[in-house]
Amino acid sequence: MESFLAGKLTDNKSLIELLRRSGVLKSPRVAEAMEQIDRALFVKEKKYAYMDHPSPIGFNATISAPHMHALCLELLQNHLKPGIHALDVGSGTGYLTACFAIMTGPEARVVGVEHIPELVEGSIENVKASKAAPMLESGRLSLHVGDGRLGWPDEAPYDAIHVGAASSKVPNALLEQLKPGGRMVIPVGDEFQELRVIDKQTDGSVKEWCKADVRYVPLTDKKEQLNE
């Protein structure tokens, strides 16, 4: 994959084009969503907005690299259909949650959960500035303070669940909230991590497979994340 060097890319359109050329972006739906949601609105350090690496967002958290967002959206795209319910755990600055909203439309229900209140407050402002703002205003997209390991039962079951931090095992609450026929994408592991795809069958059984080796911050509680 091409390396996105500092100063090489100056706008979102150029970033999406490089992701296409690299082969990470394959689906027109995913590319369209990422084109509509400008990453610069969701990155604290604007000079890093279009660079292909994680960027710090404060509170010992990061926003994932663009190619990882693209990969997760590609893995979930067939489950991010109009009118569905989707959950983004560890929603951070709200970027991927906003992409979910664009892909699923005004009749869907999209929920982001993040346990750092300041990040949730910031993510709401970020989404307000983006093309996902109408869904936020209508209440079809919402961002909440909560322990993502417990999901968000109020809007379950979910057709699609994304987890943006690594768990030593798949949380039972998230499995329970995944709809039969739905898919979860979650990094699993401690020192060594895999991006795992969890497909719940219509009979409730689960099939699980590994997409890639990855490195994410841990899915933990607020106290441990802040080293309190």
Protein backbone atom coordinates (compact mmCIF):
# COMPACT_ATOMS: atom_id res chain seq x y z
CA MET A 1 0.00 0.00 0.00
CA GLU A 2 1.21 3.48 -0.82
CA SER A 3 2.59 5.51 2.06
CA PHE A 4 0.75 8.74 2.82
CA LEU A 5 3.54 11.19 3.61
CA ALA A 6 3.15 14.42 5.54
CA GLY A 7 2.21 17.23 3.19
CA LYS A 8 1.55 14.88 0.26
CA LEU A 9 -2.20 14.86 0.59
CA THR A 10 -4.09 18.05 1.26
CA ASP A 11 -7.73 17.02 0.91
CA ASN A 12 -10.13 14.17 1.55
CA LYS A 13 -10.70 13.44 -2.14
CA SER A 14 -6.99 12.71 -2.66
CA LEU A 15 -6.97 10.37 0.34
CA ILE A 16 -9.93 8.40 -0.99
CA GLU A 17 -8.32 8.15 -4.43
CA LEU A 18 -5.14 6.71 -2.94
CA LEU A 19 -7.15 4.22 -0.90
CA ARG A 20 -8.85 3.16 -4.13
CA ARG A 21 -5.56 2.79 -5.97
CA SER A 22 -4.07 0.79 -3.09
CA GLY A 23 -6.89 -1.73 -3.37
CA VAL A 24 -8.23 -1.16 0.16
CA LEU A 25 -11.32 0.63 -1.11
CA LYS A 26 -13.31 -1.61 -3.44
CA SER A 27 -16.96 -0.80 -2.86
CA PRO A 28 -18.42 2.37 -4.42
CA ARG A 29 -20.73 2.68 -1.38
CA VAL A 30 -17.81 2.72 1.04
CA ALA A 31 -15.85 5.15 -1.11
CA GLU A 32 -18.85 7.47 -1.34
CA ALA A 33 -19.35 7.48 2.43
CA MET A 34 -15.69 8.23 3.08
CA GLU A 35 -15.77 10.97 0.45
CA GLN A 36 -18.76 12.61 2.11
CA ILE A 37 -17.32 12.46 5.65
CA ASP A 38 -14.20 14.61 5.62
CA ARG A 39 -11.65 13.05 7.96
CA ALA A 40 -10.21 16.48 8.82
CA LEU A 41 -13.37 17.29 10.78
CA PHE A 42 -12.63 14.38 13.12
CA VAL A 43 -8.86 14.64 13.64
CA LYS A 44 -7.41 16.74 16.43
CA GLU A 45 -4.12 17.45 14.67
CA LYS A 46 -5.21 18.71 11.25
CA LYS A 47 -1.77 18.17 9.73
CA TYR A 48 -2.35 14.43 10.22
CA ALA A 49 -5.86 14.40 8.76
CA TYR A 50 -4.99 12.68 5.49
CA MET A 51 -2.02 10.61 6.61
CA ASP A 52 -2.37 6.85 6.76
CA HIS A 53 -1.60 6.19 10.40
CA PRO A 54 -3.46 6.43 13.71
CA SER A 55 -3.64 9.91 15.17
CA PRO A 56 -3.93 10.82 18.88
CA ILE A 57 -7.24 12.33 19.95
CA GLY A 58 -6.42 12.79 23.65
CA PHE A 59 -7.21 10.69 26.74
CA ASN A 60 -4.80 7.94 25.61
CA ALA A 61 -7.02 7.21 22.62
CA THR A 62 -6.47 7.38 18.85
CA ILE A 63 -8.43 7.61 15.64
CA SER A 64 -7.56 4.64 13.45
CA ALA A 65 -5.61 4.96 10.23
CA PRO A 66 -7.74 5.64 7.13
CA HIS A 67 -6.99 2.23 5.61
CA MET A 68 -8.30 0.51 8.76
CA HIS A 69 -11.53 2.50 8.62
CA ALA A 70 -11.85 1.58 4.95
CA LEU A 71 -11.19 -2.10 5.70
CA CYS A 72 -13.80 -2.23 8.48
CA LEU A 73 -16.40 -0.48 6.32
CA GLU A 74 -15.71 -2.92 3.49
CA LEU A 75 -16.17 -5.86 5.86
CA LEU A 76 -19.47 -4.44 7.12
CA GLN A 77 -20.86 -2.92 3.94
CA ASN A 78 -23.35 -5.71 3.18
CA HIS A 79 -24.81 -5.23 6.67
CA LEU A 80 -24.85 -1.42 6.51
CA LYS A 81 -28.03 -1.19 4.49
CA PRO A 82 -30.79 1.43 4.59
CA GLY A 83 -32.93 1.21 7.69
CA ILE A 84 -30.75 -1.12 9.75
CA HIS A 85 -29.40 -0.74 13.32
CA ALA A 86 -25.63 -0.28 13.71
CA LEU A 87 -23.40 0.10 16.75
CA ASP A 88 -19.94 1.70 16.90
CA VAL A 89 -18.12 0.77 20.12
CA GLY A 90 -15.30 3.10 21.11
CA SER A 91 -16.67 5.76 18.79
CA GLY A 92 -13.92 8.26 19.67
CA THR A 93 -14.25 11.35 17.50
CA GLY A 94 -17.35 9.98 15.76
CA TYR A 95 -15.80 9.46 12.32
CA LEU A 96 -16.84 5.88 11.64
CA THR A 97 -20.22 6.46 13.28
CA ALA A 98 -20.82 9.26 10.79
CA CYS A 99 -19.79 6.99 7.89
CA PHE A 100 -22.32 4.42 9.15
CA ALA A 101 -25.01 7.09 9.04
CA ILE A 102 -24.21 8.02 5.44
CA MET A 103 -24.27 4.36 4.35
CA THR A 104 -27.51 3.45 6.13
CA GLY A 105 -29.67 6.49 5.48
CA PRO A 106 -32.30 8.51 7.34
CA GLU A 107 -34.44 5.56 8.44
CA ALA A 108 -31.59 3.67 10.10
CA ARG A 109 -30.56 3.79 13.75
CA VAL A 110 -26.85 4.37 14.34
CA VAL A 111 -25.38 4.43 17.84
CA GLY A 112 -21.89 5.34 19.02
CA VAL A 113 -20.66 4.49 22.53
CA GLU A 114 -17.55 5.97 24.13
CA HIS A 115 -16.63 6.02 27.84
CA ILE A 116 -14.76 9.35 27.85
CA PRO A 117 -17.37 12.14 28.22
CA GLU A 118 -15.10 14.78 26.67
CA LEU A 119 -14.67 12.63 23.55
CA VAL A 120 -18.42 12.16 23.26
CA GLU A 121 -18.97 15.92 23.55
CA GLY A 122 -16.35 16.54 20.89
CA SER A 123 -17.72 13.84 18.60
CA ILE A 124 -21.17 15.42 18.67
CA GLU A 125 -19.66 18.73 17.53
CA ASN A 126 -17.67 16.93 14.83
CA VAL A 127 -20.77 15.21 13.46
CA LYS A 128 -22.70 18.49 13.53
CA ALA A 129 -20.10 19.94 11.17
CA SER A 130 -20.31 16.96 8.80
CA LYS A 131 -22.78 15.69 6.22
CA ALA A 132 -24.14 13.28 8.84
CA ALA A 133 -25.58 16.24 10.79
CA PRO A 134 -29.20 15.69 9.61
CA MET A 135 -29.25 12.20 11.15
CA LEU A 136 -27.89 13.57 14.42
CA GLU A 137 -30.54 16.29 14.42
CA SER A 138 -33.31 13.75 13.74
CA GLY A 139 -32.11 11.46 16.52
CA ARG A 140 -31.44 8.58 14.15
CA LEU A 141 -27.74 8.92 14.98
CA SER A 142 -26.76 9.29 18.63
CA LEU A 143 -23.50 9.30 20.60
CA HIS A 144 -23.47 8.18 24.22
CA VAL A 145 -21.20 7.98 27.23
CA GLY A 146 -21.02 4.36 28.30
CA ASP A 147 -18.95 1.20 28.69
CA GLY A 148 -18.74 -0.12 25.16
CA ARG A 149 -18.04 -3.63 26.40
CA LEU A 150 -21.70 -3.65 27.46
CA GLY A 151 -22.90 -2.41 24.09
CA TRP A 152 -26.04 -0.30 23.99
CA PRO A 153 -29.03 -2.55 24.72
CA ASP A 154 -31.65 0.15 24.12
CA GLU A 155 -31.36 -0.14 20.33
CA ALA A 156 -30.40 -3.82 20.05
CA PRO A 157 -30.32 -6.07 18.15
CA TYR A 158 -27.79 -4.69 15.69
CA ASP A 159 -27.23 -5.73 12.09
CA ALA A 160 -23.66 -4.38 12.23
CA ILE A 161 -21.28 -3.83 15.15
CA HIS A 162 -17.83 -2.28 14.92
CA VAL A 163 -15.41 -2.26 17.85
CA GLY A 164 -12.58 0.25 17.67
CA ALA A 165 -10.37 -1.14 20.46
CA ALA A 166 -8.90 -4.57 21.16
CA SER A 167 -10.52 -6.96 23.61
CA SER A 168 -8.87 -10.07 25.03
CA LYS A 169 -12.06 -11.89 24.06
CA VAL A 170 -15.31 -11.01 22.33
CA PRO A 171 -17.60 -9.44 24.97
CA ASN A 172 -20.70 -11.57 25.59
CA ALA A 173 -22.92 -8.50 25.70
CA LEU A 174 -21.94 -7.59 22.15
CA LEU A 175 -22.58 -11.13 20.91
CA GLU A 176 -25.99 -11.06 22.52
CA GLN A 177 -26.81 -7.71 20.91
CA LEU A 178 -25.75 -8.87 17.44
CA LYS A 179 -28.80 -9.73 15.34
CA PRO A 180 -29.06 -13.18 13.74
CA GLY A 181 -27.76 -12.61 10.24
CA GLY A 182 -25.62 -9.72 11.51
CA ARG A 183 -21.86 -9.15 11.54
CA MET A 184 -19.38 -7.79 14.08
CA VAL A 185 -15.84 -6.62 13.31
CA ILE A 186 -13.60 -6.53 16.39
CA PRO A 187 -9.86 -6.63 17.14
CA VAL A 188 -9.17 -9.49 19.56
CA GLY A 189 -6.03 -10.15 21.56
CA ASP A 190 -3.61 -8.60 24.00
CA GLU A 191 0.01 -8.38 22.87
CA PHE A 192 -0.84 -10.03 19.54
CA GLN A 193 -4.14 -8.99 17.98
CA GLU A 194 -6.28 -10.10 15.07
CA LEU A 195 -9.10 -8.28 13.36
CA ARG A 196 -11.85 -10.84 13.67
CA VAL A 197 -15.13 -11.05 11.78
CA ILE A 198 -18.03 -12.51 13.75
CA ASP A 199 -21.04 -13.69 11.74
CA LYS A 200 -24.14 -14.69 13.67
CA GLN A 201 -26.16 -17.21 11.71
CA THR A 202 -29.95 -17.11 11.49
CA ASP A 203 -30.12 -20.01 13.95
CA GLY A 204 -28.06 -18.03 16.49
CA SER A 205 -24.82 -19.95 16.01
CA VAL A 206 -21.61 -18.02 15.40
CA LYS A 207 -18.94 -18.30 12.72
CA GLU A 208 -15.68 -16.44 13.30
CA TRP A 209 -12.68 -15.78 11.09
CA CYS A 210 -9.55 -13.64 11.04
CA LYS A 211 -9.08 -10.90 8.47
CA ALA A 212 -5.70 -9.44 9.47
CA ASP A 213 -3.11 -8.95 12.18
CA VAL A 214 -3.64 -5.53 13.75
CA ARG A 215 -2.57 -3.26 16.58
CA TYR A 216 -5.25 -1.32 18.50
CA VAL A 217 -5.45 0.38 21.87
CA PRO A 218 -7.12 -1.88 24.47
CA LEU A 219 -10.85 -1.99 25.08
CA THR A 220 -10.90 -1.20 28.77
CA ASP A 221 -12.61 0.97 31.37
CA LYS A 222 -12.23 4.72 31.74
CA LYS A 223 -10.07 4.51 34.89
CA GLU A 224 -7.51 2.17 33.34
CA GLN A 225 -7.42 4.09 30.05
CA LEU A 226 -6.64 7.34 31.88
CA ASN A 227 -4.14 5.58 34.18
CA GLU A 228 -6.00 6.84 37.23
